[in-house]
């Protein structure tokens, strides 16, 4: 298993492909079918700018020569960043790849002086919630039309 920071056009194309798979999977899930697809489409169309240094980064997980998953991170505001589009292909799930991608994102945020990593998810994305729940603040709220969203904030600064 190798976590690689995206830097080439080919790698950005792999990330875009995974973002599309993520969107397709969300569209098929009744718990997430109301999520705004246009936001994912915007992330894909701005992948090489919004998710490139210094504003952001994308990582790919490579397992046995295949692209297994991805996660993006981009500046949210001030010293906060967002973890975006954490996705692992079905055949690679249960191998802790999502956890490794999330940890890469959190470690990068710490290294770059961010105060916290923020992500939004829905109750049906139990793996995303369990990955970040330890040492995180979880805020649940309802957002029309009839969906519940969790905002998860993971502090990045060392606590004294």
N, C-alpha and C. Protein backbone atom coordinates (compact mmCIF):
# COMPACT_ATOMS: atom_id res chain seq x y z
N UNK A 1 0.84 -1.18 0.00
CA UNK A 1 0.00 0.00 0.00
C UNK A 1 0.88 1.24 0.00
N UNK A 2 0.57 2.17 -0.88
CA UNK A 2 1.35 3.39 -0.99
C UNK A 2 0.38 4.58 -1.10
N UNK A 3 0.60 5.61 -0.31
CA UNK A 3 -0.17 6.85 -0.41
C UNK A 3 0.70 7.85 -1.15
N UNK A 4 0.20 8.35 -2.28
CA UNK A 4 0.96 9.22 -3.16
C UNK A 4 0.28 10.57 -3.31
N UNK A 5 1.05 11.62 -3.15
CA UNK A 5 0.55 12.97 -3.36
C UNK A 5 0.43 13.20 -4.87
N UNK A 6 -0.73 13.64 -5.31
CA UNK A 6 -0.99 13.85 -6.73
C UNK A 6 -0.21 15.07 -7.22
N UNK A 7 0.51 14.88 -8.34
CA UNK A 7 1.29 15.99 -8.90
C UNK A 7 1.27 16.03 -10.42
N UNK A 8 0.90 14.94 -11.07
CA UNK A 8 0.93 14.90 -12.53
C UNK A 8 -0.50 14.94 -13.09
N UNK A 9 -0.60 15.31 -14.35
CA UNK A 9 -1.91 15.33 -15.01
C UNK A 9 -2.56 13.95 -14.96
N UNK A 10 -1.77 12.92 -15.18
CA UNK A 10 -2.30 11.55 -15.14
C UNK A 10 -2.88 11.22 -13.76
N UNK A 11 -2.17 11.62 -12.71
CA UNK A 11 -2.66 11.37 -11.36
C UNK A 11 -3.93 12.18 -11.08
N UNK A 12 -3.99 13.44 -11.55
CA UNK A 12 -5.21 14.22 -11.39
C UNK A 12 -6.37 13.57 -12.13
N UNK A 13 -6.09 12.96 -13.28
CA UNK A 13 -7.14 12.25 -14.02
C UNK A 13 -7.65 11.04 -13.23
N UNK A 14 -6.75 10.32 -12.58
CA UNK A 14 -7.17 9.21 -11.72
C UNK A 14 -8.06 9.74 -10.58
N UNK A 15 -7.64 10.85 -9.98
CA UNK A 15 -8.43 11.43 -8.89
C UNK A 15 -9.81 11.84 -9.39
N UNK A 16 -9.88 12.46 -10.57
CA UNK A 16 -11.18 12.86 -11.14
C UNK A 16 -12.06 11.64 -11.36
N UNK A 17 -11.47 10.56 -11.85
CA UNK A 17 -12.22 9.31 -12.05
C UNK A 17 -12.79 8.80 -10.72
N UNK A 18 -12.00 8.86 -9.66
CA UNK A 18 -12.48 8.43 -8.35
C UNK A 18 -13.55 9.37 -7.81
N UNK A 19 -13.42 10.68 -8.03
CA UNK A 19 -14.45 11.62 -7.61
C UNK A 19 -15.78 11.29 -8.30
N UNK A 20 -15.71 10.91 -9.59
CA UNK A 20 -16.92 10.52 -10.32
C UNK A 20 -17.53 9.23 -9.75
N UNK A 21 -16.68 8.26 -9.44
CA UNK A 21 -17.18 7.03 -8.82
C UNK A 21 -17.84 7.34 -7.48
N UNK A 22 -17.24 8.23 -6.73
CA UNK A 22 -17.78 8.67 -5.45
C UNK A 22 -19.16 9.29 -5.66
N UNK A 23 -19.28 10.15 -6.66
CA UNK A 23 -20.55 10.80 -6.97
C UNK A 23 -21.60 9.76 -7.37
N UNK A 24 -21.23 8.80 -8.19
CA UNK A 24 -22.16 7.74 -8.61
C UNK A 24 -22.64 6.93 -7.40
N UNK A 25 -21.73 6.63 -6.51
CA UNK A 25 -22.09 5.85 -5.32
C UNK A 25 -23.02 6.66 -4.41
N UNK A 26 -22.75 7.95 -4.25
CA UNK A 26 -23.63 8.80 -3.45
C UNK A 26 -25.03 8.87 -4.06
N UNK A 27 -25.09 8.97 -5.37
CA UNK A 27 -26.38 9.08 -6.06
C UNK A 27 -27.23 7.84 -5.86
N UNK A 28 -26.59 6.68 -5.70
CA UNK A 28 -27.32 5.43 -5.54
C UNK A 28 -27.74 5.17 -4.09
N UNK A 29 -27.18 5.91 -3.14
CA UNK A 29 -27.46 5.71 -1.71
C UNK A 29 -28.64 6.57 -1.29
N UNK A 30 -29.74 5.95 -0.80
CA UNK A 30 -30.91 6.74 -0.39
C UNK A 30 -30.59 7.77 0.68
N UNK A 31 -29.61 7.50 1.52
CA UNK A 31 -29.25 8.44 2.58
C UNK A 31 -28.50 9.66 2.09
N UNK A 32 -27.98 9.59 0.87
CA UNK A 32 -27.18 10.70 0.36
C UNK A 32 -27.67 11.22 -0.99
N UNK A 33 -28.78 10.71 -1.48
CA UNK A 33 -29.21 11.06 -2.84
C UNK A 33 -29.54 12.53 -3.01
N UNK A 34 -29.77 13.25 -1.92
CA UNK A 34 -30.10 14.66 -2.02
C UNK A 34 -28.88 15.58 -1.96
N UNK A 35 -27.68 15.00 -1.82
CA UNK A 35 -26.50 15.85 -1.77
C UNK A 35 -26.33 16.57 -3.10
N UNK A 36 -25.89 17.81 -3.06
CA UNK A 36 -25.77 18.57 -4.30
C UNK A 36 -24.64 18.07 -5.19
N UNK A 37 -25.02 17.44 -6.29
CA UNK A 37 -24.06 16.88 -7.23
C UNK A 37 -23.19 17.97 -7.84
N UNK A 38 -23.74 19.18 -8.00
CA UNK A 38 -22.98 20.24 -8.63
C UNK A 38 -21.72 20.59 -7.84
N UNK A 39 -21.72 20.39 -6.53
CA UNK A 39 -20.52 20.67 -5.75
C UNK A 39 -19.41 19.68 -6.10
N UNK A 40 -19.78 18.43 -6.31
CA UNK A 40 -18.79 17.42 -6.70
C UNK A 40 -18.28 17.73 -8.11
N UNK A 41 -19.19 18.09 -9.00
CA UNK A 41 -18.79 18.45 -10.35
C UNK A 41 -17.84 19.64 -10.35
N UNK A 42 -18.10 20.62 -9.48
CA UNK A 42 -17.21 21.79 -9.36
C UNK A 42 -15.83 21.35 -8.86
N UNK A 43 -15.82 20.45 -7.85
CA UNK A 43 -14.53 19.95 -7.36
C UNK A 43 -13.75 19.26 -8.48
N UNK A 44 -14.44 18.51 -9.31
CA UNK A 44 -13.76 17.82 -10.41
C UNK A 44 -13.22 18.82 -11.42
N UNK A 45 -14.03 19.81 -11.78
CA UNK A 45 -13.59 20.77 -12.79
C UNK A 45 -12.47 21.69 -12.29
N UNK A 46 -12.35 21.84 -10.97
CA UNK A 46 -11.30 22.69 -10.40
C UNK A 46 -10.25 21.88 -9.64
N UNK A 47 -10.18 20.61 -9.94
CA UNK A 47 -9.30 19.71 -9.20
C UNK A 47 -7.84 20.16 -9.23
N UNK A 48 -7.33 20.49 -10.40
CA UNK A 48 -5.91 20.84 -10.53
C UNK A 48 -5.59 22.22 -9.98
N UNK A 49 -6.60 23.03 -9.65
CA UNK A 49 -6.33 24.35 -9.06
C UNK A 49 -6.70 24.39 -7.59
N UNK A 50 -7.92 24.01 -7.24
CA UNK A 50 -8.37 24.07 -5.84
C UNK A 50 -7.70 23.03 -4.95
N UNK A 51 -7.27 21.93 -5.55
CA UNK A 51 -6.66 20.85 -4.77
C UNK A 51 -5.17 20.71 -5.06
N UNK A 52 -4.54 21.80 -5.45
CA UNK A 52 -3.10 21.80 -5.70
C UNK A 52 -2.44 22.81 -4.76
N UNK A 53 -1.19 22.56 -4.42
CA UNK A 53 -0.51 23.50 -3.54
C UNK A 53 -0.52 24.92 -4.13
N UNK A 54 -0.59 25.95 -3.33
CA UNK A 54 -0.54 25.93 -1.88
C UNK A 54 -1.92 25.82 -1.22
N UNK A 55 -3.01 25.84 -2.02
CA UNK A 55 -4.36 25.82 -1.45
C UNK A 55 -4.83 24.44 -1.04
N UNK A 56 -4.27 23.41 -1.62
CA UNK A 56 -4.78 22.08 -1.32
C UNK A 56 -3.86 20.98 -1.80
N UNK A 57 -4.37 19.76 -1.69
CA UNK A 57 -3.61 18.58 -2.07
C UNK A 57 -4.59 17.42 -2.28
N UNK A 58 -4.21 16.48 -3.11
CA UNK A 58 -4.96 15.24 -3.29
C UNK A 58 -3.98 14.09 -3.13
N UNK A 59 -4.44 13.04 -2.46
CA UNK A 59 -3.64 11.82 -2.34
C UNK A 59 -4.37 10.68 -3.02
N UNK A 60 -3.59 9.80 -3.62
CA UNK A 60 -4.11 8.55 -4.16
C UNK A 60 -3.54 7.41 -3.33
N UNK A 61 -4.36 6.41 -3.10
CA UNK A 61 -3.90 5.17 -2.48
C UNK A 61 -3.68 4.17 -3.60
N UNK A 62 -2.48 3.60 -3.64
CA UNK A 62 -2.13 2.62 -4.66
C UNK A 62 -1.91 1.28 -3.98
N UNK A 63 -2.67 0.29 -4.42
CA UNK A 63 -2.59 -1.06 -3.85
C UNK A 63 -2.31 -2.03 -4.98
N UNK A 64 -1.19 -2.73 -4.91
CA UNK A 64 -0.82 -3.71 -5.93
C UNK A 64 -0.89 -3.13 -7.34
N UNK A 65 -0.41 -1.89 -7.50
CA UNK A 65 -0.37 -1.25 -8.81
C UNK A 65 -1.69 -0.65 -9.27
N UNK A 66 -2.74 -0.77 -8.49
CA UNK A 66 -4.04 -0.21 -8.85
C UNK A 66 -4.39 0.97 -7.96
N UNK A 67 -5.09 1.93 -8.54
CA UNK A 67 -5.58 3.06 -7.76
C UNK A 67 -6.76 2.57 -6.93
N UNK A 68 -6.62 2.64 -5.61
CA UNK A 68 -7.62 2.08 -4.71
C UNK A 68 -8.53 3.13 -4.10
N UNK A 69 -8.03 4.36 -3.94
CA UNK A 69 -8.83 5.38 -3.30
C UNK A 69 -8.17 6.73 -3.37
N UNK A 70 -8.85 7.73 -2.82
CA UNK A 70 -8.32 9.09 -2.83
C UNK A 70 -8.92 9.91 -1.70
N UNK A 71 -8.31 11.03 -1.45
CA UNK A 71 -8.86 12.05 -0.56
C UNK A 71 -8.24 13.38 -0.99
N UNK A 72 -9.05 14.42 -0.87
CA UNK A 72 -8.56 15.76 -1.15
C UNK A 72 -8.59 16.59 0.12
N UNK A 73 -7.77 17.62 0.12
CA UNK A 73 -7.77 18.58 1.21
C UNK A 73 -7.59 19.95 0.61
N UNK A 74 -8.38 20.92 1.07
CA UNK A 74 -8.19 22.28 0.60
C UNK A 74 -8.47 23.26 1.72
N UNK A 75 -7.87 24.43 1.58
CA UNK A 75 -8.06 25.47 2.58
C UNK A 75 -9.53 25.85 2.64
N UNK A 76 -10.04 25.96 3.86
CA UNK A 76 -11.44 26.34 4.07
C UNK A 76 -11.51 27.82 4.39
N UNK A 77 -10.94 28.22 5.49
CA UNK A 77 -10.78 29.63 5.82
C UNK A 77 -9.77 29.73 6.96
N UNK A 78 -9.04 30.84 6.93
CA UNK A 78 -8.00 31.09 7.93
C UNK A 78 -7.11 29.87 8.09
N UNK A 79 -7.02 29.33 9.27
CA UNK A 79 -6.13 28.18 9.52
C UNK A 79 -6.93 26.89 9.63
N UNK A 80 -7.99 26.80 8.84
CA UNK A 80 -8.83 25.61 8.80
C UNK A 80 -8.81 25.04 7.39
N UNK A 81 -8.90 23.73 7.30
CA UNK A 81 -8.95 23.09 5.99
C UNK A 81 -10.07 22.06 5.98
N UNK A 82 -10.42 21.65 4.79
CA UNK A 82 -11.48 20.65 4.62
C UNK A 82 -10.91 19.38 4.00
N UNK A 83 -11.33 18.26 4.55
CA UNK A 83 -11.06 16.97 3.94
C UNK A 83 -12.23 16.71 3.00
N UNK A 84 -11.95 16.43 1.74
CA UNK A 84 -13.00 16.30 0.73
C UNK A 84 -12.86 14.98 -0.03
N UNK A 85 -14.00 14.40 -0.33
CA UNK A 85 -14.10 13.26 -1.27
C UNK A 85 -13.26 12.08 -0.88
N UNK A 86 -13.23 11.75 0.41
CA UNK A 86 -12.55 10.52 0.85
C UNK A 86 -13.33 9.35 0.27
N UNK A 87 -12.66 8.57 -0.56
CA UNK A 87 -13.35 7.49 -1.27
C UNK A 87 -12.38 6.33 -1.48
N UNK A 88 -12.87 5.13 -1.22
CA UNK A 88 -12.13 3.91 -1.49
C UNK A 88 -13.01 3.00 -2.33
N UNK A 89 -12.44 2.49 -3.41
CA UNK A 89 -13.20 1.58 -4.27
C UNK A 89 -13.63 0.35 -3.46
N UNK A 90 -14.82 -0.15 -3.81
CA UNK A 90 -15.42 -1.25 -3.03
C UNK A 90 -14.49 -2.44 -2.85
N UNK A 91 -13.81 -2.85 -3.88
CA UNK A 91 -13.00 -4.06 -3.77
C UNK A 91 -11.78 -3.89 -2.84
N UNK A 92 -11.49 -2.62 -2.44
CA UNK A 92 -10.36 -2.37 -1.55
C UNK A 92 -10.79 -2.01 -0.13
N UNK A 93 -12.06 -2.00 0.10
CA UNK A 93 -12.55 -1.62 1.43
C UNK A 93 -12.24 -2.73 2.44
N UNK A 94 -12.22 -2.36 3.68
CA UNK A 94 -11.91 -3.24 4.81
C UNK A 94 -10.40 -3.50 4.92
N UNK A 95 -9.60 -2.75 4.17
CA UNK A 95 -8.14 -2.89 4.26
C UNK A 95 -7.51 -1.67 4.92
N UNK A 96 -8.32 -0.84 5.56
CA UNK A 96 -7.87 0.35 6.29
C UNK A 96 -7.28 1.44 5.39
N UNK A 97 -7.60 1.39 4.11
CA UNK A 97 -7.09 2.38 3.17
C UNK A 97 -7.71 3.75 3.46
N UNK A 98 -8.99 3.79 3.76
CA UNK A 98 -9.64 5.05 4.10
C UNK A 98 -8.99 5.70 5.31
N UNK A 99 -8.66 4.89 6.29
CA UNK A 99 -8.01 5.42 7.49
C UNK A 99 -6.64 6.00 7.14
N UNK A 100 -5.88 5.31 6.31
CA UNK A 100 -4.56 5.80 5.92
C UNK A 100 -4.67 7.12 5.15
N UNK A 101 -5.67 7.22 4.28
CA UNK A 101 -5.87 8.47 3.53
C UNK A 101 -6.27 9.61 4.47
N UNK A 102 -7.18 9.33 5.40
CA UNK A 102 -7.60 10.36 6.36
C UNK A 102 -6.42 10.81 7.22
N UNK A 103 -5.61 9.88 7.66
CA UNK A 103 -4.45 10.23 8.47
C UNK A 103 -3.43 11.04 7.68
N UNK A 104 -3.27 10.74 6.40
CA UNK A 104 -2.37 11.53 5.55
C UNK A 104 -2.86 12.98 5.49
N UNK A 105 -4.15 13.14 5.36
CA UNK A 105 -4.75 14.47 5.31
C UNK A 105 -4.54 15.22 6.63
N UNK A 106 -4.82 14.55 7.73
CA UNK A 106 -4.68 15.18 9.05
C UNK A 106 -3.22 15.51 9.34
N UNK A 107 -2.31 14.61 8.99
CA UNK A 107 -0.89 14.87 9.22
C UNK A 107 -0.41 16.04 8.37
N UNK A 108 -0.87 16.12 7.14
CA UNK A 108 -0.49 17.24 6.28
C UNK A 108 -1.01 18.57 6.86
N UNK A 109 -2.22 18.54 7.40
CA UNK A 109 -2.78 19.74 8.02
C UNK A 109 -1.92 20.17 9.21
N UNK A 110 -1.51 19.22 10.02
CA UNK A 110 -0.65 19.54 11.18
C UNK A 110 0.68 20.12 10.72
N UNK A 111 1.29 19.48 9.74
CA UNK A 111 2.58 19.93 9.23
C UNK A 111 2.51 21.34 8.67
N UNK A 112 1.37 21.69 8.08
CA UNK A 112 1.23 23.00 7.45
C UNK A 112 0.57 24.05 8.35
N UNK A 113 0.46 23.74 9.63
CA UNK A 113 0.02 24.73 10.60
C UNK A 113 -1.48 24.99 10.68
N UNK A 114 -2.29 24.11 10.13
CA UNK A 114 -3.74 24.29 10.26
C UNK A 114 -4.17 23.99 11.69
N UNK A 115 -5.22 24.68 12.14
CA UNK A 115 -5.76 24.45 13.48
C UNK A 115 -6.68 23.25 13.51
N UNK A 116 -7.43 23.04 12.42
CA UNK A 116 -8.33 21.90 12.39
C UNK A 116 -8.65 21.47 10.97
N UNK A 117 -9.04 20.21 10.87
CA UNK A 117 -9.52 19.63 9.61
C UNK A 117 -11.02 19.45 9.78
N UNK A 118 -11.75 19.91 8.80
CA UNK A 118 -13.21 19.83 8.85
C UNK A 118 -13.68 18.92 7.71
N UNK A 119 -14.72 18.14 7.97
CA UNK A 119 -15.36 17.39 6.91
C UNK A 119 -16.84 17.28 7.19
N UNK A 120 -17.60 17.12 6.16
CA UNK A 120 -19.04 16.94 6.28
C UNK A 120 -19.39 15.56 5.73
N UNK A 121 -20.35 14.92 6.39
CA UNK A 121 -20.76 13.59 5.95
C UNK A 121 -22.21 13.36 6.37
N UNK A 122 -22.74 12.23 6.00
CA UNK A 122 -24.11 11.89 6.35
C UNK A 122 -24.11 10.64 7.24
N UNK A 123 -25.21 10.36 7.93
CA UNK A 123 -25.24 9.19 8.82
C UNK A 123 -24.97 7.87 8.10
N UNK A 124 -25.29 7.78 6.82
CA UNK A 124 -25.07 6.52 6.11
C UNK A 124 -23.59 6.25 5.84
N UNK A 125 -22.75 7.25 5.99
CA UNK A 125 -21.31 7.07 5.77
C UNK A 125 -20.63 6.75 7.10
N UNK A 126 -20.97 5.59 7.63
CA UNK A 126 -20.50 5.22 8.97
C UNK A 126 -18.99 5.09 9.05
N UNK A 127 -18.35 4.65 7.98
CA UNK A 127 -16.89 4.52 8.02
C UNK A 127 -16.22 5.87 8.17
N UNK A 128 -16.70 6.87 7.45
CA UNK A 128 -16.12 8.21 7.56
C UNK A 128 -16.28 8.75 8.97
N UNK A 129 -17.42 8.51 9.57
CA UNK A 129 -17.66 9.00 10.92
C UNK A 129 -16.75 8.29 11.91
N UNK A 130 -16.65 6.98 11.80
CA UNK A 130 -15.82 6.24 12.77
C UNK A 130 -14.34 6.53 12.59
N UNK A 131 -13.90 6.84 11.38
CA UNK A 131 -12.49 7.17 11.14
C UNK A 131 -12.05 8.40 11.90
N UNK A 132 -12.95 9.36 12.02
CA UNK A 132 -12.56 10.64 12.57
C UNK A 132 -13.12 10.91 13.96
N UNK A 133 -13.99 10.06 14.45
CA UNK A 133 -14.69 10.34 15.70
C UNK A 133 -13.74 10.50 16.89
N UNK A 134 -12.68 9.71 16.94
CA UNK A 134 -11.74 9.82 18.04
C UNK A 134 -11.03 11.17 17.95
N UNK A 135 -10.99 11.90 19.05
CA UNK A 135 -10.35 13.22 19.13
C UNK A 135 -11.00 14.26 18.23
N UNK A 136 -12.26 14.08 17.89
CA UNK A 136 -12.94 15.03 17.01
C UNK A 136 -14.20 15.56 17.68
N UNK A 137 -14.66 16.68 17.17
CA UNK A 137 -15.94 17.25 17.59
C UNK A 137 -16.92 16.99 16.45
N UNK A 138 -18.07 16.40 16.77
CA UNK A 138 -19.07 16.08 15.76
C UNK A 138 -20.30 16.93 16.02
N UNK A 139 -20.74 17.66 15.00
CA UNK A 139 -21.92 18.51 15.09
C UNK A 139 -22.94 18.02 14.07
N UNK A 140 -24.10 17.60 14.54
CA UNK A 140 -25.16 17.11 13.65
C UNK A 140 -26.16 18.24 13.41
N UNK A 141 -26.66 18.32 12.21
CA UNK A 141 -27.74 19.27 11.94
C UNK A 141 -28.57 18.76 10.76
N UNK A 142 -29.79 19.26 10.67
CA UNK A 142 -30.67 18.91 9.55
C UNK A 142 -30.54 19.96 8.48
N UNK A 143 -30.54 19.49 7.26
CA UNK A 143 -30.41 20.37 6.11
C UNK A 143 -31.41 19.91 5.06
N UNK A 144 -32.28 20.79 4.61
CA UNK A 144 -33.27 20.39 3.60
C UNK A 144 -32.59 19.87 2.35
N UNK A 145 -33.18 19.01 1.58
CA UNK A 145 -34.48 18.40 1.84
C UNK A 145 -34.34 17.10 2.61
N UNK A 146 -34.70 17.09 3.83
CA UNK A 146 -34.78 15.89 4.69
C UNK A 146 -33.49 15.09 4.75
N UNK A 147 -32.43 15.75 5.09
CA UNK A 147 -31.18 15.01 5.27
C UNK A 147 -30.50 15.51 6.53
N UNK A 148 -29.74 14.65 7.11
CA UNK A 148 -28.98 15.00 8.30
C UNK A 148 -27.51 15.00 7.90
N UNK A 149 -26.81 16.02 8.32
CA UNK A 149 -25.40 16.16 7.99
C UNK A 149 -24.61 16.21 9.29
N UNK A 150 -23.44 15.61 9.27
CA UNK A 150 -22.51 15.74 10.39
C UNK A 150 -21.33 16.57 9.92
N UNK A 151 -21.01 17.60 10.68
CA UNK A 151 -19.77 18.32 10.47
C UNK A 151 -18.82 17.80 11.53
N UNK A 152 -17.69 17.32 11.09
CA UNK A 152 -16.70 16.76 11.99
C UNK A 152 -15.48 17.66 11.94
N UNK A 153 -15.00 18.05 13.11
CA UNK A 153 -13.82 18.89 13.19
C UNK A 153 -12.75 18.17 14.01
N UNK A 154 -11.60 17.95 13.39
CA UNK A 154 -10.48 17.26 14.03
C UNK A 154 -9.42 18.31 14.35
N UNK A 155 -9.15 18.56 15.64
CA UNK A 155 -8.11 19.53 15.99
C UNK A 155 -6.75 19.04 15.52
N UNK A 156 -5.93 19.97 15.05
CA UNK A 156 -4.60 19.61 14.55
C UNK A 156 -3.48 20.04 15.48
N UNK A 157 -3.73 20.98 16.32
CA UNK A 157 -2.69 21.50 17.21
C UNK A 157 -2.49 20.58 18.40
N UNK A 158 -1.27 20.49 18.85
CA UNK A 158 -0.98 19.69 20.05
C UNK A 158 -1.62 20.36 21.26
N UNK A 159 -2.22 19.55 22.11
CA UNK A 159 -2.82 20.08 23.34
C UNK A 159 -1.82 19.94 24.47
N UNK A 160 -1.63 21.01 25.21
CA UNK A 160 -0.70 20.99 26.34
C UNK A 160 -1.41 20.67 27.63
